Amino acid sequence: MSELPTIDRCMLMVIPKKSYFEWANSLPSTYSIIEPDDTVEPSSYLLPDFDDEEDVEKFISKKFRIIFENELSAWTSNETEWPTKITYKVFKDWFDIHVSTMVFDLGQNAIKVV
């Protein structure tokens, strides 16, 4: 068996928790009520390649705001409807995060940023 190619990135999967669903359901523009038990596709973010778990955590703690805002904008771009406190603690309360340091590329074409 030949080795699968890896890419020099880690992957962060962001999975909404109950607080996120409660916020989304409180929005006036929410068309249907979503529940934590509903199948919701998590978002994935590519991170720099880290060997150390502590470095990954440090990076996420510095970049959480852009991730949090991206997740909020999935429901509304009206920032006045966003939570007033966007802190790392709130981020961790609203989302489970899973990091994979092994990212394999099964695609046939070169990776493009679009």
C-alpha atoms as a PDB file:
ATOM      1  CA  MET A   1       0.000   0.000   0.000  1.00  0.00           C
ATOM      2  CA  SER A   2       1.334   3.436  -0.882  1.00  0.00           C
ATOM      3  CA  GLU A   3       1.373   6.185   1.723  1.00  0.00           C
ATOM      4  CA  LEU A   4      -1.406   8.722   1.637  1.00  0.00           C
ATOM      5  CA  PRO A   5      -0.212  12.293   1.144  1.00  0.00           C
ATOM      6  CA  THR A   6      -0.599  14.594   4.123  1.00  0.00           C
ATOM      7  CA  ILE A   7      -0.890  18.349   4.084  1.00  0.00           C
ATOM      8  CA  ASP A   8       1.012  20.627   6.409  1.00  0.00           C
ATOM      9  CA  ARG A   9      -2.044  21.718   8.353  1.00  0.00           C
ATOM     10  CA  CYS A  10      -4.039  20.702  11.400  1.00  0.00           C
ATOM     11  CA  MET A  11      -7.815  20.626  11.202  1.00  0.00           C
ATOM     12  CA  LEU A  12     -10.113  22.203  13.774  1.00  0.00           C
ATOM     13  CA  MET A  13     -13.699  20.977  13.855  1.00  0.00           C
ATOM     14  CA  VAL A  14     -16.157  23.354  15.561  1.00  0.00           C
ATOM     15  CA  ILE A  15     -19.346  21.689  16.834  1.00  0.00           C
ATOM     16  CA  PRO A  16     -22.225  23.827  18.151  1.00  0.00           C
ATOM     17  CA  LYS A  17     -23.499  23.200  21.677  1.00  0.00           C
ATOM     18  CA  LYS A  18     -26.794  24.024  23.402  1.00  0.00           C
ATOM     19  CA  SER A  19     -25.995  27.717  23.999  1.00  0.00           C
ATOM     20  CA  TYR A  20     -25.397  28.277  20.293  1.00  0.00           C
ATOM     21  CA  PHE A  21     -28.729  26.676  19.406  1.00  0.00           C
ATOM     22  CA  GLU A  22     -30.538  28.741  22.047  1.00  0.00           C
ATOM     23  CA  TRP A  23     -29.051  31.923  20.585  1.00  0.00           C
ATOM     24  CA  ALA A  24     -29.880  30.918  16.980  1.00  0.00           C
ATOM     25  CA  ASN A  25     -33.463  30.089  17.940  1.00  0.00           C
ATOM     26  CA  SER A  26     -33.854  33.479  19.640  1.00  0.00           C
ATOM     27  CA  LEU A  27     -33.182  35.364  16.413  1.00  0.00           C
ATOM     28  CA  PRO A  28     -36.173  36.972  14.701  1.00  0.00           C
ATOM     29  CA  SER A  29     -34.913  35.752  11.339  1.00  0.00           C
ATOM     30  CA  THR A  30     -34.672  32.069  12.314  1.00  0.00           C
ATOM     31  CA  TYR A  31     -37.061  30.219  10.023  1.00  0.00           C
ATOM     32  CA  SER A  32     -37.162  26.943  11.878  1.00  0.00           C
ATOM     33  CA  ILE A  33     -36.325  25.921  15.385  1.00  0.00           C
ATOM     34  CA  ILE A  34     -33.122  23.921  15.584  1.00  0.00           C
ATOM     35  CA  GLU A  35     -32.352  21.573  18.412  1.00  0.00           C
ATOM     36  CA  PRO A  36     -29.000  20.364  19.730  1.00  0.00           C
ATOM     37  CA  ASP A  37     -30.050  16.838  18.723  1.00  0.00           C
ATOM     38  CA  ASP A  38     -30.547  17.904  15.101  1.00  0.00           C
ATOM     39  CA  THR A  39     -27.845  16.842  12.720  1.00  0.00           C
ATOM     40  CA  VAL A  40     -25.808  19.981  12.199  1.00  0.00           C
ATOM     41  CA  GLU A  41     -22.749  19.825  10.030  1.00  0.00           C
ATOM     42  CA  PRO A  42     -19.753  21.075  12.009  1.00  0.00           C
ATOM     43  CA  SER A  43     -17.451  23.652  10.482  1.00  0.00           C
ATOM     44  CA  SER A  44     -13.843  22.745   9.779  1.00  0.00           C
ATOM     45  CA  TYR A  45     -10.934  25.155   9.838  1.00  0.00           C
ATOM     46  CA  LEU A  46      -7.413  24.484   8.659  1.00  0.00           C
ATOM     47  CA  LEU A  47      -4.740  25.605  11.107  1.00  0.00           C
ATOM     48  CA  PRO A  48      -0.984  25.798  10.796  1.00  0.00           C
ATOM     49  CA  ASP A  49       0.793  22.503  11.371  1.00  0.00           C
ATOM     50  CA  PHE A  50       1.568  22.124  15.074  1.00  0.00           C
ATOM     51  CA  ASP A  51       3.383  19.310  16.834  1.00  0.00           C
ATOM     52  CA  ASP A  52       2.468  20.421  20.322  1.00  0.00           C
ATOM     53  CA  GLU A  53      -1.083  20.436  21.724  1.00  0.00           C
ATOM     54  CA  GLU A  54      -0.263  23.484  23.834  1.00  0.00           C
ATOM     55  CA  ASP A  55       0.696  25.442  20.695  1.00  0.00           C
ATOM     56  CA  VAL A  56      -2.601  24.487  19.073  1.00  0.00           C
ATOM     57  CA  GLU A  57      -4.560  25.696  22.101  1.00  0.00           C
ATOM     58  CA  LYS A  58      -2.591  28.948  22.175  1.00  0.00           C
ATOM     59  CA  PHE A  59      -3.279  29.536  18.470  1.00  0.00           C
ATOM     60  CA  ILE A  60      -7.015  28.846  18.858  1.00  0.00           C
ATOM     61  CA  SER A  61      -7.210  31.161  21.863  1.00  0.00           C
ATOM     62  CA  LYS A  62      -5.750  33.945  19.691  1.00  0.00           C
ATOM     63  CA  LYS A  63      -7.939  33.223  16.648  1.00  0.00           C
ATOM     64  CA  PHE A  64     -11.214  32.218  18.339  1.00  0.00           C
ATOM     65  CA  ARG A  65     -12.925  35.545  17.613  1.00  0.00           C
ATOM     66  CA  ILE A  66     -12.755  35.196  13.812  1.00  0.00           C
ATOM     67  CA  ILE A  67     -14.053  31.615  14.106  1.00  0.00           C
ATOM     68  CA  PHE A  68     -16.826  32.655  16.517  1.00  0.00           C
ATOM     69  CA  GLU A  69     -17.904  35.523  14.250  1.00  0.00           C
ATOM     70  CA  ASN A  70     -17.929  33.218  11.231  1.00  0.00           C
ATOM     71  CA  GLU A  71     -20.205  30.788  13.099  1.00  0.00           C
ATOM     72  CA  LEU A  72     -22.519  33.623  14.186  1.00  0.00           C
ATOM     73  CA  SER A  73     -22.711  35.003  10.655  1.00  0.00           C
ATOM     74  CA  ALA A  74     -24.057  31.634   9.495  1.00  0.00           C
ATOM     75  CA  TRP A  75     -27.348  32.734  11.104  1.00  0.00           C
ATOM     76  CA  THR A  76     -27.235  36.506  10.864  1.00  0.00           C
ATOM     77  CA  SER A  77     -24.883  39.138   9.524  1.00  0.00           C
ATOM     78  CA  ASN A  78     -26.565  41.708  11.777  1.00  0.00           C
ATOM     79  CA  GLU A  79     -23.905  42.158  14.447  1.00  0.00           C
ATOM     80  CA  THR A  80     -26.395  43.826  16.798  1.00  0.00           C
ATOM     81  CA  GLU A  81     -28.017  40.383  17.161  1.00  0.00           C
ATOM     82  CA  TRP A  82     -24.731  38.778  18.147  1.00  0.00           C
ATOM     83  CA  PRO A  83     -23.897  38.177  21.806  1.00  0.00           C
ATOM     84  CA  THR A  84     -22.469  41.242  23.531  1.00  0.00           C
ATOM     85  CA  LYS A  85     -19.712  39.165  25.141  1.00  0.00           C
ATOM     86  CA  ILE A  86     -17.524  37.341  22.646  1.00  0.00           C
ATOM     87  CA  THR A  87     -14.829  35.861  24.846  1.00  0.00           C
ATOM     88  CA  TYR A  88     -12.805  32.686  24.669  1.00  0.00           C
ATOM     89  CA  LYS A  89     -14.772  31.314  27.613  1.00  0.00           C
ATOM     90  CA  VAL A  90     -18.074  31.954  25.812  1.00  0.00           C
ATOM     91  CA  PHE A  91     -16.624  30.371  22.664  1.00  0.00           C
ATOM     92  CA  LYS A  92     -15.764  27.213  24.618  1.00  0.00           C
ATOM     93  CA  ASP A  93     -19.240  27.263  26.242  1.00  0.00           C
ATOM     94  CA  TRP A  94     -20.919  27.486  22.838  1.00  0.00           C
ATOM     95  CA  PHE A  95     -18.760  25.042  20.869  1.00  0.00           C
ATOM     96  CA  ASP A  96     -16.978  21.738  21.256  1.00  0.00           C
ATOM     97  CA  ILE A  97     -13.715  21.744  19.391  1.00  0.00           C
ATOM     98  CA  HIS A  98     -11.775  18.793  18.064  1.00  0.00           C
ATOM     99  CA  VAL A  99      -8.322  19.040  16.542  1.00  0.00           C
ATOM    100  CA  SER A 100      -6.710  16.571  14.193  1.00  0.00           C
ATOM    101  CA  THR A 101      -3.002  16.852  13.519  1.00  0.00           C
ATOM    102  CA  MET A 102      -3.105  14.256  10.735  1.00  0.00           C
ATOM    103  CA  VAL A 103      -4.793  15.653   7.622  1.00  0.00           C
ATOM    104  CA  PHE A 104      -4.676  13.417   4.553  1.00  0.00           C
ATOM    105  CA  ASP A 105      -5.274  14.664   1.028  1.00  0.00           C
ATOM    106  CA  LEU A 106      -7.354  12.238  -1.045  1.00  0.00           C
ATOM    107  CA  GLY A 107      -8.064  14.794  -3.766  1.00  0.00           C
ATOM    108  CA  GLN A 108      -6.675  14.480  -7.263  1.00  0.00           C
ATOM    109  CA  ASN A 109      -6.200  18.194  -7.896  1.00  0.00           C
ATOM    110  CA  ALA A 110      -4.064  20.814  -6.197  1.00  0.00           C
ATOM    111  CA  ILE A 111      -5.690  22.573  -3.250  1.00  0.00           C
ATOM    112  CA  LYS A 112      -7.050  25.987  -4.238  1.00  0.00           C
ATOM    113  CA  VAL A 113      -8.036  28.824  -1.942  1.00  0.00           C
ATOM    114  CA  VAL A 114     -11.297  30.308  -3.233  1.00  0.00           C
END
